[in-house]
Protein backbone atom coordinates (compact mmCIF):
# COMPACT_ATOMS: atom_id res chain seq x y z
CA MET A 1 -9.38 -5.89 4.00
CA ASP A 2 -11.13 -7.20 1.07
CA VAL A 3 -11.13 -4.67 -1.77
CA ALA A 4 -13.82 -5.14 -4.52
CA PRO A 5 -14.55 -2.46 -6.86
CA PRO A 6 -18.22 -2.30 -7.75
CA ARG A 7 -19.65 -4.13 -11.03
CA TYR A 8 -21.27 -2.27 -13.70
CA ARG A 9 -23.91 -2.39 -15.73
CA ARG A 10 -23.48 -2.69 -19.39
CA PHE A 11 -26.23 -2.53 -22.34
CA SER A 12 -26.10 -3.34 -25.88
CA THR A 13 -25.73 -0.65 -28.55
CA ALA A 14 -27.09 -2.38 -31.48
CA ARG A 15 -29.87 -0.98 -33.37
CA PRO A 16 -33.56 -2.55 -33.33
CA GLY A 17 -35.03 -2.93 -36.46
CA PRO A 18 -35.55 -5.54 -39.23
CA VAL A 19 -32.39 -7.63 -40.19
CA PRO A 20 -31.88 -9.65 -43.35
CA ARG A 21 -33.03 -13.27 -43.62
CA SER A 22 -31.07 -15.72 -44.57
CA GLY A 23 -30.08 -19.53 -43.66
CA ASP A 24 -26.97 -18.30 -41.90
CA GLU A 25 -28.81 -15.03 -39.79
CA LEU A 26 -31.30 -14.46 -37.23
CA PRO A 27 -34.80 -13.54 -38.07
CA PRO A 28 -36.27 -10.22 -36.98
CA TYR A 29 -37.25 -10.05 -33.09
CA THR A 30 -38.90 -7.29 -31.25
CA ARG A 31 -36.47 -6.29 -28.27
CA ARG A 32 -37.65 -6.54 -24.70
CA ASN A 33 -38.62 -3.23 -23.22
CA THR A 34 -35.77 -3.47 -20.40
CA LEU A 35 -33.34 -3.44 -23.76
CA ALA A 36 -35.23 -0.82 -25.67
CA GLN A 37 -35.30 1.85 -22.64
CA PRO A 38 -32.40 4.84 -22.65
CA ILE A 39 -29.68 4.01 -20.76
CA VAL A 40 -29.71 6.41 -17.56
CA HIS A 41 -25.77 7.70 -16.85
CA ARG A 42 -25.75 7.81 -12.97
CA GLU A 43 -24.08 10.73 -11.38
CA PRO A 44 -20.20 10.17 -10.49
CA THR A 45 -19.50 9.58 -7.19
CA GLU A 46 -17.44 12.37 -5.40
CA HIS A 47 -14.67 11.40 -2.88
CA VAL A 48 -12.89 14.10 -0.87
CA TYR A 49 -9.20 14.26 0.51
CA VAL A 50 -8.34 16.85 2.98
CA LEU A 51 -4.66 17.53 4.00
CA THR A 52 -4.18 20.19 6.99
CA ASP A 53 -1.51 22.30 8.02
CA LYS A 54 -1.23 24.63 10.90
CA ASN A 55 -5.16 23.48 11.57
CA ARG A 56 -5.86 24.80 8.08
CA PRO A 57 -7.40 23.07 5.32
CA PHE A 58 -4.15 23.02 3.01
CA VAL A 59 -5.13 20.87 0.34
CA THR A 60 -8.23 19.29 -0.76
CA LEU A 61 -8.64 16.61 -3.47
CA LYS A 62 -11.94 15.70 -5.36
CA LEU A 63 -11.99 12.64 -7.36
CA TYR A 64 -15.25 11.78 -9.25
CA SER A 65 -15.48 7.91 -10.19
CA SER A 66 -18.12 4.90 -10.66
CA ALA A 67 -17.75 3.60 -7.63
CA LYS A 68 -21.48 3.08 -5.72
CA SER A 69 -20.62 5.35 -2.76
CA SER A 70 -18.38 7.61 -1.27
CA SER A 71 -16.89 5.68 1.31
CA SER A 72 -16.04 2.93 -1.00
CA LEU A 73 -12.61 3.48 -3.24
CA PRO A 74 -12.70 5.17 -6.11
CA THR A 75 -12.90 3.17 -9.20
CA PHE A 76 -12.21 3.60 -12.72
CA PHE A 77 -13.37 1.46 -15.76
CA GLU A 78 -10.96 1.13 -18.75
CA LYS A 79 -11.32 4.38 -21.20
CA GLU A 80 -12.08 6.23 -18.26
CA ASN A 81 -10.01 9.37 -17.02
CA ILE A 82 -9.36 10.08 -13.46
CA ASN A 83 -11.52 12.99 -13.00
CA GLY A 84 -11.36 15.52 -10.39
CA VAL A 85 -10.38 19.05 -8.52
CA LEU A 86 -7.17 19.84 -6.86
CA GLU A 87 -7.63 22.99 -4.35
CA VAL A 88 -4.53 24.48 -2.51
CA ASN A 89 -4.99 27.29 0.00
CA ALA A 90 -1.55 28.79 0.09
CA GLU A 91 -0.13 31.42 2.54
CA ARG A 92 3.04 33.43 2.37
CA GLY A 93 5.83 31.36 3.42
CA ASP A 94 4.49 27.88 2.17
CA SER A 95 7.09 28.21 -0.74
CA ILE A 96 5.65 25.63 -3.12
CA SER A 97 7.78 24.90 -5.76
CA SER A 98 5.77 22.39 -7.81
CA ILE A 99 3.01 20.09 -7.71
CA THR A 100 2.57 16.92 -9.21
CA ALA A 101 -0.18 14.09 -9.92
CA THR A 102 1.21 10.16 -9.89
CA ILE A 103 -0.60 7.32 -10.86
CA THR A 104 1.24 3.99 -9.80
CA GLY A 105 0.33 0.25 -10.35
CA ARG A 106 1.94 -2.44 -8.39
CA ILE A 107 2.38 -6.33 -8.10
CA ILE A 108 3.09 -7.21 -4.49
CA THR A 109 3.51 -10.90 -3.94
CA SER A 110 5.05 -10.92 -0.05
CA ALA A 111 5.90 -8.29 2.68
CA ASN A 112 9.53 -8.54 1.41
CA PRO A 113 10.43 -5.25 -0.54
CA LEU A 114 12.12 -7.46 -3.35
CA ASP A 115 8.52 -8.88 -4.03
CA SER A 116 6.85 -5.71 -5.01
CA VAL A 117 7.13 -4.86 -8.62
CA GLU A 118 5.81 -1.21 -10.17
CA PHE A 119 4.08 -1.95 -13.61
CA LEU A 120 2.93 1.46 -13.80
CA LYS A 121 3.99 5.01 -13.01
CA HIS A 122 2.50 8.12 -14.82
CA SER A 123 3.12 11.50 -13.52
CA LEU A 124 1.52 14.61 -15.04
CA PRO A 125 3.14 18.09 -13.74
CA ILE A 126 -0.22 20.54 -12.23
CA TRP A 127 2.13 23.50 -11.45
CA SER A 128 5.56 24.51 -11.49
CA LYS A 129 7.73 27.61 -10.34
CA SER A 130 9.68 27.06 -13.28
CA PRO A 131 8.29 28.77 -16.48
CA ASN A 132 10.05 25.76 -18.75
CA ILE A 133 7.35 23.19 -17.36
CA PRO A 134 4.03 23.20 -18.38
CA ARG A 135 0.98 23.81 -16.18
CA ILE A 136 -2.53 22.66 -16.36
CA PRO A 137 -4.83 25.56 -16.97
CA SER A 138 -6.88 26.82 -14.07
CA PRO A 139 -10.03 28.98 -13.34
CA THR A 140 -8.21 30.85 -10.62
CA GLU A 141 -5.97 33.85 -10.93
CA ALA A 142 -3.64 32.85 -8.03
CA ALA A 143 -2.75 29.76 -9.72
CA SER A 144 -1.34 31.61 -12.71
CA GLN A 145 1.14 33.27 -11.13
CA SER A 146 5.11 32.40 -10.60
CA LYS A 147 4.32 31.89 -6.72
CA LEU A 148 1.10 30.65 -5.19
CA LEU A 149 -0.87 32.64 -2.98
CA GLY A 150 -4.27 32.41 -1.97
CA ARG A 151 -7.34 29.84 -3.28
CA CYS A 152 -5.83 27.79 -6.46
CA GLU A 153 -7.87 25.41 -8.13
CA TRP A 154 -6.95 23.05 -10.98
CA PRO A 155 -9.49 20.88 -12.68
CA LEU A 156 -8.17 17.10 -13.40
CA SER A 157 -8.89 14.44 -16.24
CA ILE A 158 -6.25 12.01 -16.52
CA PRO A 159 -6.31 9.27 -18.91
CA LEU A 160 -5.38 5.80 -17.80
CA PRO A 161 -3.14 3.44 -20.24
CA ARG A 162 -4.94 0.85 -21.31
CA THR A 163 -1.54 -1.36 -21.56
CA VAL A 164 1.70 -1.76 -20.10
CA THR A 165 4.86 -2.92 -21.17
CA LEU A 166 7.36 -5.26 -18.88
CA PRO A 167 9.36 -8.34 -18.74
CA ASN A 168 7.86 -11.39 -18.90
CA GLU A 169 8.77 -14.78 -17.18
CA ALA A 170 11.37 -15.61 -20.02
CA GLY A 171 12.95 -11.86 -19.01
CA SER A 172 11.53 -10.53 -22.71
CA LEU A 173 9.53 -7.61 -22.86
CA GLN A 174 6.02 -8.00 -23.80
CA THR A 175 3.12 -5.69 -23.64
CA TYR A 176 -0.15 -6.74 -21.39
CA PRO A 177 -3.79 -5.11 -21.05
CA LEU A 178 -3.97 -3.31 -17.50
CA PRO A 179 -4.88 -5.67 -15.02
CA GLU A 180 -8.02 -5.62 -12.71
CA THR A 181 -7.30 -4.48 -9.08
CA PHE A 182 -6.85 -7.50 -6.85
CA LEU A 183 -6.61 -7.76 -3.21
CA GLU A 184 -7.92 -11.01 -1.33
CA ARG A 185 -7.76 -11.41 2.32
CA HIS A 186 -5.97 -14.95 2.41
CA THR A 187 -3.89 -14.69 -0.95
CA PRO A 188 -0.37 -12.95 -0.06
CA ALA A 189 -0.09 -11.87 -3.90
CA SER A 190 -1.95 -8.61 -4.69
CA ILE A 191 -2.72 -5.94 -7.69
CA GLN A 192 -2.74 -2.33 -6.21
CA TYR A 193 -3.45 1.10 -7.59
CA GLU A 194 -2.59 4.54 -6.03
CA PHE A 195 -3.42 8.26 -7.02
CA SER A 196 -1.17 10.73 -5.47
CA ILE A 197 -0.56 14.75 -5.32
CA HIS A 198 2.94 15.71 -4.59
CA ILE A 199 3.73 19.07 -3.08
CA SER A 200 7.31 20.21 -3.28
CA ARG A 201 8.63 22.87 -0.92
CA GLY A 202 11.66 24.92 -0.36
CA MET A 203 14.57 23.74 1.17
CA LEU A 204 13.45 24.35 4.69
CA ARG A 205 9.92 23.25 4.33
CA SER A 206 8.82 19.11 4.05
CA ASP A 207 6.94 18.37 1.28
CA ASN A 208 3.58 17.32 1.29
CA GLU A 209 1.64 14.34 -0.06
CA ILE A 210 -2.04 13.30 -0.44
CA LYS A 211 -2.96 9.92 -1.88
CA THR A 212 -5.52 7.11 -2.16
CA ALA A 213 -5.72 3.61 -3.13
CA PHE A 214 -8.26 2.98 -6.15
CA GLY A 215 -9.97 0.13 -8.00
CA TYR A 216 -9.60 -0.48 -11.60
CA VAL A 217 -11.57 -2.65 -14.02
CA PRO A 218 -10.58 -3.60 -17.50
CA SER A 219 -13.06 -4.23 -20.23
CA THR A 220 -12.99 -7.60 -21.65
CA ARG A 221 -15.53 -8.99 -23.47
CA PRO A 222 -16.44 -12.75 -24.83
CA GLY A 223 -17.01 -13.16 -28.44
CA GLN A 224 -20.24 -13.96 -29.88
CA SER A 225 -21.95 -17.04 -29.51
CA SER A 226 -23.41 -19.22 -32.34
CA LEU A 227 -26.75 -17.96 -34.17
CA LEU A 228 -28.73 -20.46 -33.21
CA ARG A 229 -27.71 -19.87 -29.25
CA GLN A 230 -28.72 -16.20 -29.55
CA LEU A 231 -32.13 -17.27 -31.24
CA ALA A 232 -32.66 -19.27 -27.87
CA TYR A 233 -31.65 -16.53 -25.89
CA GLN A 234 -34.05 -14.23 -27.67
CA GLN A 235 -36.58 -16.50 -27.87
CA ASN A 236 -36.52 -17.97 -24.09
CA ALA A 237 -36.21 -21.33 -25.59
CA PRO A 238 -34.13 -24.34 -24.70
CA LEU A 239 -30.65 -24.06 -25.69
CA PRO A 240 -29.67 -26.19 -28.76
CA GLY A 241 -27.41 -29.15 -27.48
CA PRO A 242 -24.14 -30.05 -29.30
CA SER A 243 -25.61 -32.41 -31.99
CA CYS A 244 -28.15 -29.73 -33.34
CA ASP A 245 -25.50 -26.63 -33.03
CA PRO A 246 -22.27 -27.72 -33.40
CA GLU A 247 -20.53 -24.36 -33.64
CA GLY A 248 -22.28 -23.33 -30.25
CA TRP A 249 -20.13 -26.18 -28.35
CA LYS A 250 -16.61 -27.59 -27.87
CA SER A 251 -17.14 -31.21 -27.29
CA LEU A 252 -13.87 -32.12 -25.11
CA ARG A 253 -11.78 -35.37 -25.70
CA PRO A 254 -14.02 -38.47 -24.71
CA VAL A 255 -12.93 -39.98 -21.16
CA THR A 256 -13.61 -43.27 -19.11
CA ALA A 257 -14.78 -42.94 -15.51
CA ARG A 258 -13.70 -46.08 -13.42
CA THR A 259 -14.52 -46.94 -10.18
CA LEU A 260 -14.77 -49.94 -7.82
CA MET A 261 -18.20 -50.58 -6.67
CA PHE A 262 -19.00 -52.46 -2.98
CA ARG A 263 -15.11 -52.61 -3.04
CA SER A 264 -15.48 -55.63 -5.70
CA ARG A 265 -17.30 -54.78 -8.80
CA LYS A 266 -15.20 -52.80 -11.50
CA VAL A 267 -17.56 -50.25 -13.40
CA GLU A 268 -16.67 -48.21 -16.44
CA VAL A 269 -18.68 -45.27 -17.93
CA GLN A 270 -17.89 -43.07 -21.08
CA CYS A 271 -18.31 -39.34 -20.54
CA LEU A 272 -18.39 -36.84 -23.38
CA LEU A 273 -18.38 -33.24 -21.49
CA SER A 274 -19.08 -30.24 -24.03
CA LEU A 275 -19.09 -26.53 -22.85
CA ALA A 276 -20.40 -23.49 -24.60
CA ASN A 277 -18.53 -21.88 -27.48
CA PRO A 278 -16.20 -19.28 -26.86
CA LEU A 279 -15.04 -20.70 -24.02
CA VAL A 280 -14.96 -17.27 -22.69
CA TYR A 281 -18.06 -16.25 -20.08
CA THR A 282 -19.10 -13.22 -18.16
CA ARG A 283 -18.87 -12.94 -14.78
CA GLY A 284 -22.35 -12.74 -13.16
CA THR A 285 -23.81 -15.10 -15.39
CA ILE A 286 -23.68 -18.55 -16.69
CA LEU A 287 -21.62 -21.44 -18.36
CA PRO A 288 -23.59 -23.87 -20.12
CA CYS A 289 -22.53 -27.49 -20.45
CA CYS A 290 -23.75 -30.89 -21.42
CA LEU A 291 -22.41 -34.38 -20.75
CA SER A 292 -23.36 -37.41 -22.39
CA LEU A 293 -22.57 -40.99 -20.60
CA GLN A 294 -22.44 -44.40 -22.12
CA GLY A 295 -22.02 -47.63 -20.02
CA ALA A 296 -23.16 -51.56 -20.58
CA ASP A 297 -24.31 -51.56 -16.84
CA GLU A 298 -27.82 -50.23 -16.64
CA ASP A 299 -27.97 -50.08 -13.18
CA MET A 300 -24.65 -48.30 -12.68
CA LEU A 301 -25.24 -46.03 -15.73
CA HIS A 302 -28.57 -44.90 -13.40
CA LEU A 303 -26.61 -44.25 -10.60
CA PHE A 304 -23.84 -42.30 -12.99
CA ALA A 305 -26.47 -40.10 -14.53
CA SER A 306 -28.10 -38.73 -11.11
CA PRO A 307 -27.27 -34.93 -11.17
CA SER A 308 -25.94 -35.05 -7.72
CA ALA A 309 -23.44 -37.66 -8.87
CA VAL A 310 -21.68 -35.60 -11.25
CA ASN A 311 -18.78 -33.55 -10.26
CA LEU A 312 -17.86 -30.81 -12.40
CA LYS A 313 -16.12 -27.38 -11.19
CA LEU A 314 -14.87 -24.24 -12.03
CA GLN A 315 -11.39 -24.08 -10.78
CA ARG A 316 -9.47 -21.07 -10.32
CA ARG A 317 -5.55 -20.77 -10.46
CA ILE A 318 -3.70 -17.89 -8.97
CA ARG A 319 0.41 -18.36 -9.90
CA PHE A 320 2.80 -15.52 -8.75
CA PHE A 321 6.51 -15.05 -8.18
CA SER A 322 7.81 -15.00 -4.57
CA LYS A 323 10.98 -14.96 -2.98
CA GLY A 324 9.66 -13.83 0.40
CA THR A 325 6.71 -16.64 0.88
CA THR A 326 8.48 -18.90 2.80
CA SER A 327 5.02 -20.09 4.78
CA PHE A 328 2.75 -20.33 2.03
CA THR A 329 2.88 -24.09 1.29
CA GLU A 330 -0.02 -24.44 -1.24
CA ASN A 331 1.66 -25.95 -4.77
CA SER A 332 4.78 -23.91 -4.09
CA PHE A 333 7.56 -24.70 -6.44
CA GLY A 334 10.57 -22.61 -5.32
CA PRO A 335 10.00 -19.18 -5.85
CA TRP A 336 6.43 -19.87 -7.61
CA VAL A 337 3.49 -20.13 -5.89
CA GLU A 338 0.28 -21.45 -7.44
CA LYS A 339 -2.95 -21.51 -5.31
CA VAL A 340 -5.79 -23.51 -6.69
CA GLU A 341 -9.34 -23.25 -5.13
CA ASP A 342 -12.65 -24.39 -6.33
CA VAL A 343 -15.04 -21.15 -7.24
CA SER A 344 -18.38 -22.91 -8.38
CA THR A 345 -19.91 -26.38 -8.96
CA ALA A 346 -22.47 -27.22 -11.91
CA THR A 347 -25.78 -27.94 -11.36
CA TRP A 348 -27.60 -30.72 -13.48
CA TRP A 349 -30.64 -32.08 -14.95
CA PRO A 350 -32.02 -34.73 -17.34
CA SER A 351 -31.64 -33.08 -20.85
CA THR A 352 -34.47 -32.05 -22.77
CA ASN A 353 -32.91 -31.89 -26.28
CA LEU A 354 -31.68 -35.89 -25.97
CA SER A 355 -34.12 -38.96 -24.66
CA SER A 356 -31.89 -41.30 -22.97
CA HIS A 357 -32.27 -44.85 -24.11
CA ARG A 358 -30.54 -48.16 -22.86
CA GLY A 359 -26.96 -47.89 -22.33
CA SER A 360 -26.99 -43.94 -22.63
CA ARG A 361 -27.92 -41.13 -20.51
CA HIS A 362 -27.49 -36.83 -21.54
CA LEU A 363 -27.57 -34.27 -19.14
CA GLU A 364 -27.85 -30.27 -19.28
CA GLY A 365 -25.83 -28.08 -16.65
CA GLU A 366 -24.66 -24.63 -15.94
CA ILE A 367 -22.18 -23.48 -13.80
CA LYS A 368 -23.21 -19.71 -12.02
CA LEU A 369 -20.32 -17.35 -11.96
CA SER A 370 -20.24 -14.89 -9.59
CA LYS A 371 -20.27 -11.34 -9.96
CA ASP A 372 -17.32 -10.90 -7.95
CA LEU A 373 -14.73 -13.23 -9.92
CA ARG A 374 -11.70 -11.86 -10.96
CA PRO A 375 -11.16 -11.76 -14.70
CA THR A 376 -8.53 -14.01 -16.31
CA THR A 377 -5.27 -11.98 -15.55
CA ALA A 378 -1.88 -12.24 -17.24
CA ILE A 379 1.00 -9.59 -16.26
CA GLY A 380 4.64 -10.40 -15.65
CA HIS A 381 5.12 -12.53 -13.04
CA PHE A 382 1.46 -12.72 -11.78
CA SER A 383 -1.59 -14.49 -13.54
CA ILE A 384 -5.37 -15.98 -12.74
CA SER A 385 -6.53 -18.69 -14.81
CA TYR A 386 -9.55 -20.76 -14.78
CA HIS A 387 -10.20 -24.57 -15.76
CA VAL A 388 -13.23 -26.33 -15.81
CA VAL A 389 -12.49 -29.58 -14.35
CA LEU A 390 -14.10 -32.90 -14.32
CA CYS A 391 -14.02 -34.60 -11.17
CA PRO A 392 -14.49 -38.18 -10.08
CA PHE A 393 -18.28 -38.92 -9.90
CA ASP A 394 -19.81 -39.07 -6.15
CA VAL A 395 -21.53 -42.65 -6.56
CA LEU A 396 -22.90 -44.32 -3.28
CA HIS A 397 -20.71 -47.03 -2.10
CA SER A 398 -17.68 -46.63 -4.87
CA SER A 399 -14.20 -45.68 -4.79
CA SER A 400 -11.96 -44.26 -7.59
CA GLU A 401 -8.62 -42.46 -7.91
CA GLY A 402 -8.69 -39.10 -6.83
CA ARG A 403 -7.38 -37.23 -9.39
CA SER A 404 -9.78 -35.23 -12.10
CA LEU A 405 -10.82 -36.93 -15.58
CA LEU A 406 -10.46 -34.08 -17.56
CA SER A 407 -9.55 -29.88 -17.39
CA GLU A 408 -10.36 -27.67 -19.93
CA PRO A 409 -8.95 -23.92 -19.69
CA VAL A 410 -11.78 -21.30 -19.92
CA GLU A 411 -11.43 -17.56 -19.44
CA ILE A 412 -13.92 -14.98 -17.60
CA ALA A 413 -14.73 -11.44 -18.97
CA THR A 414 -16.09 -8.23 -17.21
CA MET A 415 -18.59 -7.24 -20.07
CA HIS A 416 -21.37 -8.91 -21.87
CA ALA A 417 -21.27 -9.95 -25.42
CA HIS A 418 -22.80 -8.54 -28.03
CA GLY A 419 -26.05 -9.59 -28.54
CA PRO A 420 -28.59 -11.48 -26.47
CA ARG A 421 -27.39 -11.94 -22.74
CA PRO A 422 -27.62 -15.33 -21.38
CA HIS A 423 -30.04 -16.76 -19.02
CA THR A 424 -30.05 -19.64 -16.41
CA TYR A 425 -31.54 -22.82 -17.58
CA SER A 426 -31.64 -24.68 -14.35
CA PRO A 427 -34.89 -25.88 -13.03
CA PRO A 428 -35.20 -24.48 -9.26
CA ASN A 429 -35.52 -27.82 -7.80
CA TYR A 430 -32.10 -29.15 -9.17
CA ALA A 431 -30.73 -25.31 -8.59
CA SER A 432 -31.34 -25.76 -5.14
CA LEU A 433 -29.09 -29.10 -4.82
CA SER A 434 -25.93 -27.22 -6.39
């Protein structure tokens, strides 16, 4: 089953009001009502887990998370604690010696036990029979005794670490941000988290455990866009292109698209692709792009500049180490496996900033980023990376080499950059073609 922790909504915390004006600063503006409204904090979702013993509720664990519903997995964001309540109804003869909470994170790359790496394990003693082990304070008197008897309750508030340290590909220790939960049906690799309560008993009684998987969402954010781009977003104006706003774009190296038309006519078109700076984009938004084409053959240039002919994709690469993956053949290099797939395609339309003239054409475009995209991740022997790839043009009656013309690494983040949020510019008649 695919596990997709719910997405969350964040709002800018910048204060409204006048700002200084200079050549390098934005003019003052009035915030939209949707941004000026106070943030309404939703009540946490309660998840209840019960362990019975002799037909009685022995252990009840309640967790409070940011999940959308109680039927979903508990979900926690970076900087959030795992909050909850643990209740134990102890009887004579239960012989409880200790109660411990444990948070575990694993990278699993196959069914082989050797391909499961524990990158996080954090244990917290809740109660112990031994007076030398610290206990979590309890509002119930029964939990303060040397033996548990009756109803015992402990409030839980356990912080999640923001980073972990483990060996990298070279074998050296490296510190990584805690990765997002990752579990997909057709990918053998996964990142999974688990929260458990372990109840140790005497020698004549078996131990008990109650546990649940949970989702984790890190907080990654792009840097701010250029001042001119922010101004365009604020005023709902057209985005300034690379020539007007060089700081707002990264123009990639020029490439030449070569094709054979009608099996005999060689055609060459020079391509200059620009991507919005910085090259970090929030999932659920868009990735703006511009394309300039130059060619001597006006008729062929017209065909290449058709919005449906330009083939620009966002490509995801999942790379992991797996000794036990023998049937997975896509880009396998020994124990290293790389799975590559296209996750989105750009929509194009004629530029509103630059007019086309003889020998040149200019297009504007954007790649829509699904809100379900996993963020860029790297931890130990597992990584998720993204590339914007310019593929051969899709021109009727043409044939060209199948390899891509250009590839540029980009990153996917989970939070919006500070400042105005990006919005789509694609005209409806062009967006419907993507």
